Amino acid sequence: MSNSLEVLDSFGLTFRAINTGDIDQWFDLIRRIAAVEKPAWHDQRDDLENALSSSKNNPAFDTLIGFDEQNIARAYAQVTKNPDSEKSYLFGGVDPQWQRRGIGRALLEWQQGRALERFTQASQAPGMVRVFADEHALAVNALYRSAGFQVVRYFSEMHRALSEEIPQLELDSGVRIESYTPELSEQIRQAHNEAFADHWGSEPRDQEAWGFLVNHEQFRADWSTVAIDNVSGEVAGYQIANYDHDVFENSGRKEGYTELLGVRRAYRGRGIAPALLADAMQRFIASGMDLASLDVDTENPSGALGLYQRMGYQAVHQSMAYDKAL
């Protein structure tokens, strides 16, 4: 890792760990990159603040940010890893004005070295590192491929016009849909971990990670719902929704976004997922939204892609997950 740090010092930027005083600059950098690469989504301030406060990672060792002579942030890198996980995630970016100088490649080398250290510190055998790239980020995709990363999954962002007729779906008498409340949050978290236990790439969300989700600036409690078993009172399924102000500012789209949709295995096949989606659409319409949106793993064995297509969603954007064994 020291060699990659020495290389970084040769680019005319001063690199150091990211601290809370850098959040404004860090966020501005991310938005400058997004303005050119136009990803479907990018980190918000809440995400950056969480990255620096999470108990699972140490920003003093797991982050870098590079400033030019005018003290403007031009590049950053971040490494994350859940304690017992066999994979580490790498995030980063370079200001468009500073790209094509080798900075991204050097940051990627540093990230892989830091990830390897994380496995060693956890007394684990070297695992793998995972990165994500938007289909429009041609240079980023080329960088990952040249560094030995391989595409392991494709994801599609899907939109559904709310001007089209919304299906009128009714649940059987054994289940009802209620609005999200903080009192139900822990039950929903546990239901989520159970529902996603068989999903590719998913790791259990502990209370810290779940708390960040439901306290995020984009979370909409009034759009989020839970399906309750009328007899046992247990959570059968759930739909967690967000609203991203940047989407409207950048594209003029007013969209309600389904961040998470899940049904516990024992309750599958009873029409809960489509009913939750239809209910969410009605809530979006009541708030003046034009679109319902979500993201799907195109190879999800649960048949999620087919469900969304039947509900009128259409793929509009693609992104990829890349893996590399350390």
Protein backbone atom coordinates (compact mmCIF):
# COMPACT_ATOMS: atom_id res chain seq x y z
CA MET A 1 0.00 0.00 0.00
CA SER A 2 2.91 2.36 0.70
CA ASN A 3 4.01 2.16 -2.95
CA SER A 4 0.58 3.29 -4.16
CA LEU A 5 0.69 6.20 -1.71
CA GLU A 6 4.04 7.24 -3.12
CA VAL A 7 2.55 7.15 -6.62
CA LEU A 8 -0.37 9.30 -5.48
CA ASP A 9 2.02 11.93 -4.17
CA SER A 10 3.33 12.43 -7.72
CA PHE A 11 0.07 13.71 -9.20
CA GLY A 12 0.18 17.23 -7.79
CA LEU A 13 -2.49 16.51 -5.19
CA THR A 14 -2.11 16.29 -1.43
CA PHE A 15 -3.75 13.14 -0.08
CA ARG A 16 -4.86 12.41 3.46
CA ALA A 17 -7.66 10.66 5.34
CA ILE A 18 -11.14 12.17 5.11
CA ASN A 19 -12.55 13.86 8.23
CA THR A 20 -15.88 15.48 9.08
CA GLY A 21 -14.57 18.90 8.07
CA ASP A 22 -14.22 17.64 4.49
CA ILE A 23 -17.86 16.64 3.96
CA ASP A 24 -18.85 19.77 2.01
CA GLN A 25 -15.87 19.44 -0.31
CA TRP A 26 -16.34 15.70 -0.62
CA PHE A 27 -20.00 16.10 -1.53
CA ASP A 28 -19.22 18.84 -4.06
CA LEU A 29 -16.67 16.52 -5.69
CA ILE A 30 -19.18 13.68 -5.93
CA ARG A 31 -21.74 15.99 -7.53
CA ARG A 32 -19.19 17.27 -10.08
CA ILE A 33 -18.39 13.71 -11.06
CA ALA A 34 -22.09 12.81 -11.26
CA ALA A 35 -22.83 15.82 -13.47
CA VAL A 36 -20.54 14.36 -16.13
CA GLU A 37 -20.98 10.60 -15.66
CA LYS A 38 -24.75 10.87 -15.00
CA PRO A 39 -25.20 7.80 -12.78
CA ALA A 40 -28.67 6.72 -11.73
CA TRP A 41 -27.73 7.49 -8.12
CA HIS A 42 -24.92 9.04 -6.09
CA ASP A 43 -24.11 9.46 -2.40
CA GLN A 44 -25.87 12.18 -0.42
CA ARG A 45 -24.55 14.10 2.58
CA ASP A 46 -26.17 11.61 4.96
CA ASP A 47 -24.24 8.80 3.28
CA LEU A 48 -20.94 10.63 3.70
CA GLU A 49 -21.63 11.45 7.32
CA ASN A 50 -22.52 7.82 7.96
CA ALA A 51 -19.32 6.65 6.28
CA LEU A 52 -17.30 8.69 8.78
CA SER A 53 -19.30 7.61 11.83
CA SER A 54 -19.90 3.91 11.16
CA SER A 55 -18.42 1.59 13.77
CA LYS A 56 -17.49 -0.94 11.08
CA ASN A 57 -14.83 1.17 9.36
CA ASN A 58 -12.08 3.56 10.42
CA PRO A 59 -11.90 6.64 8.18
CA ALA A 60 -8.38 7.37 9.42
CA PHE A 61 -7.22 4.26 7.55
CA ASP A 62 -10.08 3.45 5.14
CA THR A 63 -10.42 6.76 3.28
CA LEU A 64 -8.34 9.15 1.19
CA ILE A 65 -9.08 12.54 -0.29
CA GLY A 66 -6.78 14.56 -2.55
CA PHE A 67 -6.64 18.37 -2.70
CA ASP A 68 -5.04 20.57 -5.35
CA GLU A 69 -2.95 23.68 -4.66
CA GLN A 70 -6.13 25.76 -4.29
CA ASN A 71 -7.34 23.30 -1.61
CA ILE A 72 -10.13 21.97 -3.84
CA ALA A 73 -10.95 18.26 -3.48
CA ARG A 74 -10.18 16.45 -6.73
CA ALA A 75 -10.21 12.73 -5.89
CA TYR A 76 -11.28 10.35 -3.14
CA ALA A 77 -11.27 6.68 -2.21
CA GLN A 78 -13.13 4.66 0.41
CA VAL A 79 -12.90 1.05 1.59
CA THR A 80 -15.69 -0.61 3.59
CA LYS A 81 -16.10 -4.08 5.06
CA ASN A 82 -18.50 -5.73 7.47
CA PRO A 83 -16.56 -7.48 10.26
CA ASP A 84 -17.22 -11.11 9.25
CA SER A 85 -17.72 -10.56 5.54
CA GLU A 86 -15.63 -12.29 2.89
CA LYS A 87 -15.83 -9.25 0.64
CA SER A 88 -14.83 -5.61 0.85
CA TYR A 89 -16.43 -2.75 -1.11
CA LEU A 90 -14.44 -0.05 -2.86
CA PHE A 91 -15.83 3.41 -3.69
CA GLY A 92 -14.10 6.38 -5.21
CA GLY A 93 -13.90 8.95 -7.95
CA VAL A 94 -11.79 11.59 -9.69
CA ASP A 95 -12.83 15.09 -10.68
CA PRO A 96 -13.52 15.13 -14.45
CA GLN A 97 -10.89 17.88 -14.86
CA TRP A 98 -8.27 15.58 -13.31
CA GLN A 99 -9.14 12.32 -15.05
CA ARG A 100 -6.90 10.46 -17.52
CA ARG A 101 -3.78 11.12 -15.45
CA GLY A 102 -3.56 7.74 -13.72
CA ILE A 103 -5.05 8.94 -10.42
CA GLY A 104 -7.97 6.52 -10.53
CA ARG A 105 -5.68 3.57 -11.17
CA ALA A 106 -3.40 4.56 -8.28
CA LEU A 107 -6.37 4.98 -5.94
CA LEU A 108 -7.67 1.56 -6.96
CA GLU A 109 -4.28 0.02 -6.14
CA TRP A 110 -4.35 1.71 -2.73
CA GLN A 111 -7.89 0.45 -2.08
CA GLN A 112 -6.97 -3.14 -2.87
CA GLY A 113 -3.98 -2.91 -0.56
CA ARG A 114 -6.11 -1.49 2.24
CA ALA A 115 -8.77 -4.16 1.72
CA LEU A 116 -6.10 -6.84 2.01
CA GLU A 117 -4.99 -5.26 5.28
CA ARG A 118 -8.57 -5.40 6.56
CA PHE A 119 -8.73 -9.14 5.91
CA THR A 120 -5.37 -9.66 7.60
CA GLN A 121 -6.40 -7.62 10.65
CA ALA A 122 -9.57 -9.72 10.94
CA SER A 123 -7.48 -12.94 10.78
CA GLN A 124 -9.28 -13.88 7.57
CA ALA A 125 -7.93 -15.35 4.38
CA PRO A 126 -7.82 -12.78 1.56
CA GLY A 127 -11.33 -12.45 0.20
CA MET A 128 -12.59 -10.41 -2.72
CA VAL A 129 -13.23 -6.78 -3.48
CA ARG A 130 -16.38 -5.50 -5.16
CA VAL A 131 -16.97 -2.29 -7.10
CA PHE A 132 -19.98 -0.88 -8.93
CA ALA A 133 -20.08 1.06 -12.18
CA ASP A 134 -22.76 2.79 -14.19
CA GLU A 135 -23.11 1.84 -17.85
CA HIS A 136 -22.36 5.42 -18.92
CA ALA A 137 -19.05 5.60 -17.03
CA LEU A 138 -16.97 4.19 -19.88
CA ALA A 139 -13.59 5.16 -18.41
CA VAL A 140 -14.47 3.66 -15.03
CA ASN A 141 -15.58 0.39 -16.62
CA ALA A 142 -12.38 0.26 -18.67
CA LEU A 143 -10.32 0.88 -15.53
CA TYR A 144 -11.94 -1.97 -13.63
CA ARG A 145 -11.55 -4.42 -16.50
CA SER A 146 -7.90 -3.52 -17.04
CA ALA A 147 -7.26 -4.00 -13.31
CA GLY A 148 -8.55 -7.58 -13.41
CA PHE A 149 -12.11 -7.07 -12.18
CA GLN A 150 -14.88 -9.10 -13.80
CA VAL A 151 -18.58 -8.32 -14.13
CA VAL A 152 -20.55 -10.62 -11.85
CA ARG A 153 -24.01 -9.03 -11.89
CA TYR A 154 -26.16 -6.61 -13.85
CA PHE A 155 -28.74 -4.28 -12.32
CA SER A 156 -31.51 -2.36 -14.03
CA GLU A 157 -33.14 0.86 -12.91
CA MET A 158 -36.83 0.62 -13.80
CA HIS A 159 -39.52 3.30 -14.17
CA ARG A 160 -43.29 3.07 -14.19
CA ALA A 161 -45.42 6.01 -15.32
CA LEU A 162 -48.06 6.77 -12.71
CA SER A 163 -50.34 8.22 -15.37
CA GLU A 164 -51.07 4.65 -16.43
CA GLU A 165 -53.80 2.73 -14.66
CA ILE A 166 -52.75 1.38 -11.28
CA PRO A 167 -53.75 -2.27 -10.68
CA GLN A 168 -56.42 -2.75 -8.02
CA LEU A 169 -54.94 -5.59 -6.01
CA GLU A 170 -56.44 -7.00 -2.86
CA LEU A 171 -54.70 -9.13 -0.27
CA ASP A 172 -56.33 -12.22 1.15
CA SER A 173 -58.10 -11.73 4.45
CA GLY A 174 -55.13 -13.02 6.44
CA VAL A 175 -52.86 -10.04 5.70
CA ARG A 176 -53.27 -6.26 5.86
CA ILE A 177 -51.09 -3.34 4.74
CA GLU A 178 -50.17 -0.62 7.22
CA SER A 179 -48.01 2.48 7.06
CA TYR A 180 -44.50 2.28 8.44
CA THR A 181 -44.09 3.36 12.06
CA PRO A 182 -40.91 3.49 14.17
CA GLU A 183 -42.47 0.91 16.50
CA LEU A 184 -42.46 -1.61 13.63
CA SER A 185 -38.96 -0.81 12.47
CA GLU A 186 -37.12 -3.57 14.32
CA GLN A 187 -39.60 -6.21 13.16
CA ILE A 188 -39.20 -4.98 9.58
CA ARG A 189 -35.40 -5.18 9.91
CA GLN A 190 -35.60 -8.79 11.03
CA ALA A 191 -38.06 -9.59 8.26
CA HIS A 192 -35.72 -7.97 5.74
CA ASN A 193 -32.75 -10.06 6.87
CA GLU A 194 -34.86 -13.20 6.56
CA ALA A 195 -36.33 -12.23 3.18
CA PHE A 196 -32.94 -11.36 1.69
CA ALA A 197 -30.99 -14.28 3.17
CA ASP A 198 -31.20 -16.03 -0.22
CA HIS A 199 -30.44 -12.96 -2.34
CA TRP A 200 -27.12 -12.63 -4.14
CA GLY A 201 -24.70 -10.18 -2.55
CA SER A 202 -26.94 -9.37 0.41
CA GLU A 203 -25.55 -9.20 3.93
CA PRO A 204 -27.63 -8.95 7.13
CA ARG A 205 -28.32 -5.38 8.26
CA ASP A 206 -27.59 -4.80 11.91
CA GLN A 207 -29.40 -2.17 13.95
CA GLU A 208 -26.79 0.47 13.12
CA ALA A 209 -27.14 -0.03 9.36
CA TRP A 210 -30.94 -0.23 9.55
CA GLY A 211 -31.12 2.90 11.68
CA PHE A 212 -29.13 4.76 9.07
CA LEU A 213 -31.60 3.62 6.39
CA VAL A 214 -34.77 4.74 8.19
CA ASN A 215 -33.22 8.01 9.39
CA HIS A 216 -31.75 8.96 6.04
CA GLU A 217 -32.68 12.35 4.61
CA GLN A 218 -34.33 10.64 1.62
CA PHE A 219 -36.45 8.16 3.59
CA ARG A 220 -40.21 8.68 3.31
CA ALA A 221 -42.09 7.07 6.19
CA ASP A 222 -45.43 8.10 4.68
CA TRP A 223 -44.64 6.12 1.51
CA SER A 224 -43.20 3.09 3.31
CA THR A 225 -45.48 0.21 4.23
CA VAL A 226 -45.59 -3.15 5.97
CA ALA A 227 -47.77 -6.21 5.40
CA ILE A 228 -48.98 -7.64 8.73
CA ASP A 229 -50.29 -11.15 9.44
CA ASN A 230 -53.76 -10.59 10.95
CA VAL A 231 -53.50 -13.63 13.21
CA SER A 232 -49.94 -13.58 14.51
CA GLY A 233 -49.22 -9.87 14.09
CA GLU A 234 -45.91 -10.76 12.41
CA VAL A 235 -44.39 -8.80 9.55
CA ALA A 236 -45.02 -10.71 6.33
CA GLY A 237 -43.50 -8.18 3.92
CA TYR A 238 -42.51 -4.54 3.56
CA GLN A 239 -41.85 -1.73 1.10
CA ILE A 240 -39.33 1.01 2.00
CA ALA A 241 -39.54 4.17 -0.13
CA ASN A 242 -37.31 7.20 -0.70
CA TYR A 243 -37.45 10.56 -2.41
CA ASP A 244 -34.29 12.00 -4.00
CA HIS A 245 -34.52 15.79 -4.46
CA ASP A 246 -31.53 15.74 -6.84
CA VAL A 247 -33.47 13.66 -9.36
CA PHE A 248 -36.02 16.44 -9.79
CA GLU A 249 -33.38 19.18 -9.81
CA ASN A 250 -31.27 17.39 -12.43
CA SER A 251 -33.92 15.79 -14.64
CA GLY A 252 -37.28 17.27 -13.70
CA ARG A 253 -38.62 13.82 -12.78
CA LYS A 254 -40.87 13.58 -9.73
CA GLU A 255 -40.46 9.99 -8.68
CA GLY A 256 -41.17 7.82 -5.70
CA TYR A 257 -38.42 5.26 -5.31
CA THR A 258 -38.83 1.82 -3.76
CA GLU A 259 -35.56 1.26 -1.97
CA LEU A 260 -36.44 -2.16 -0.54
CA LEU A 261 -39.22 -4.64 -1.22
CA GLY A 262 -39.30 -7.99 0.51
CA VAL A 263 -41.59 -10.83 1.49
CA ARG A 264 -40.67 -13.52 3.99
CA ARG A 265 -40.44 -16.97 2.47
CA ALA A 266 -43.44 -18.39 4.38
CA TYR A 267 -45.68 -15.66 2.89
CA ARG A 268 -44.54 -15.79 -0.73
CA GLY A 269 -47.00 -16.68 -3.46
CA ARG A 270 -49.88 -14.78 -1.83
CA GLY A 271 -49.68 -11.59 -3.89
CA ILE A 272 -48.10 -9.51 -1.14
CA ALA A 273 -45.29 -7.97 -3.21
CA PRO A 274 -47.52 -6.68 -6.05
CA ALA A 275 -50.04 -5.39 -3.51
CA LEU A 276 -47.29 -3.47 -1.71
CA LEU A 277 -46.13 -1.98 -5.01
CA ALA A 278 -49.64 -0.96 -6.05
CA ASP A 279 -50.19 0.63 -2.65
CA ALA A 280 -46.89 2.51 -2.98
CA MET A 281 -47.95 3.84 -6.39
CA GLN A 282 -51.15 5.27 -4.90
CA ARG A 283 -49.09 6.97 -2.19
CA PHE A 284 -46.71 8.41 -4.78
CA ILE A 285 -49.64 9.78 -6.80
CA ALA A 286 -51.16 11.37 -3.69
CA SER A 287 -47.86 13.23 -3.20
CA GLY A 288 -47.77 14.52 -6.78
CA MET A 289 -45.22 12.11 -8.20
CA ASP A 290 -45.09 11.24 -11.90
CA LEU A 291 -43.07 8.03 -11.75
CA ALA A 292 -42.54 4.97 -9.59
CA SER A 293 -38.94 3.74 -9.69
CA LEU A 294 -36.82 0.92 -8.32
CA ASP A 295 -33.64 -1.03 -9.01
CA VAL A 296 -33.49 -4.78 -9.64
CA ASP A 297 -30.87 -7.50 -9.84
CA THR A 298 -31.68 -8.85 -13.31
CA GLU A 299 -30.70 -12.40 -12.29
CA ASN A 300 -32.64 -12.45 -9.02
CA PRO A 301 -33.96 -16.03 -8.72
CA SER A 302 -37.07 -14.83 -6.86
CA GLY A 303 -38.52 -13.62 -10.17
CA ALA A 304 -38.46 -9.96 -9.12
CA LEU A 305 -37.73 -8.73 -12.66
CA GLY A 306 -40.79 -10.51 -14.05
CA LEU A 307 -42.94 -9.14 -11.23
CA TYR A 308 -41.88 -5.57 -11.94
CA GLN A 309 -42.46 -5.99 -15.66
CA ARG A 310 -45.97 -7.31 -15.02
CA MET A 311 -46.60 -4.26 -12.81
CA GLY A 312 -45.69 -1.98 -15.72
CA TYR A 313 -42.07 -1.11 -14.86
CA GLN A 314 -39.63 -0.76 -17.75
CA ALA A 315 -35.83 -0.85 -17.64
CA VAL A 316 -34.24 2.50 -18.44
CA HIS A 317 -30.72 2.24 -17.07
CA GLN A 318 -28.12 -0.41 -16.30
CA SER A 319 -25.23 -0.76 -13.88
CA MET A 320 -22.78 -3.54 -13.09
CA ALA A 321 -21.09 -5.13 -10.10
CA TYR A 322 -17.46 -6.19 -10.56
CA ASP A 323 -15.50 -8.60 -8.35
CA LYS A 324 -11.82 -9.40 -8.00
CA ALA A 325 -10.19 -11.99 -5.76
CA LEU A 326 -7.35 -10.56 -3.72
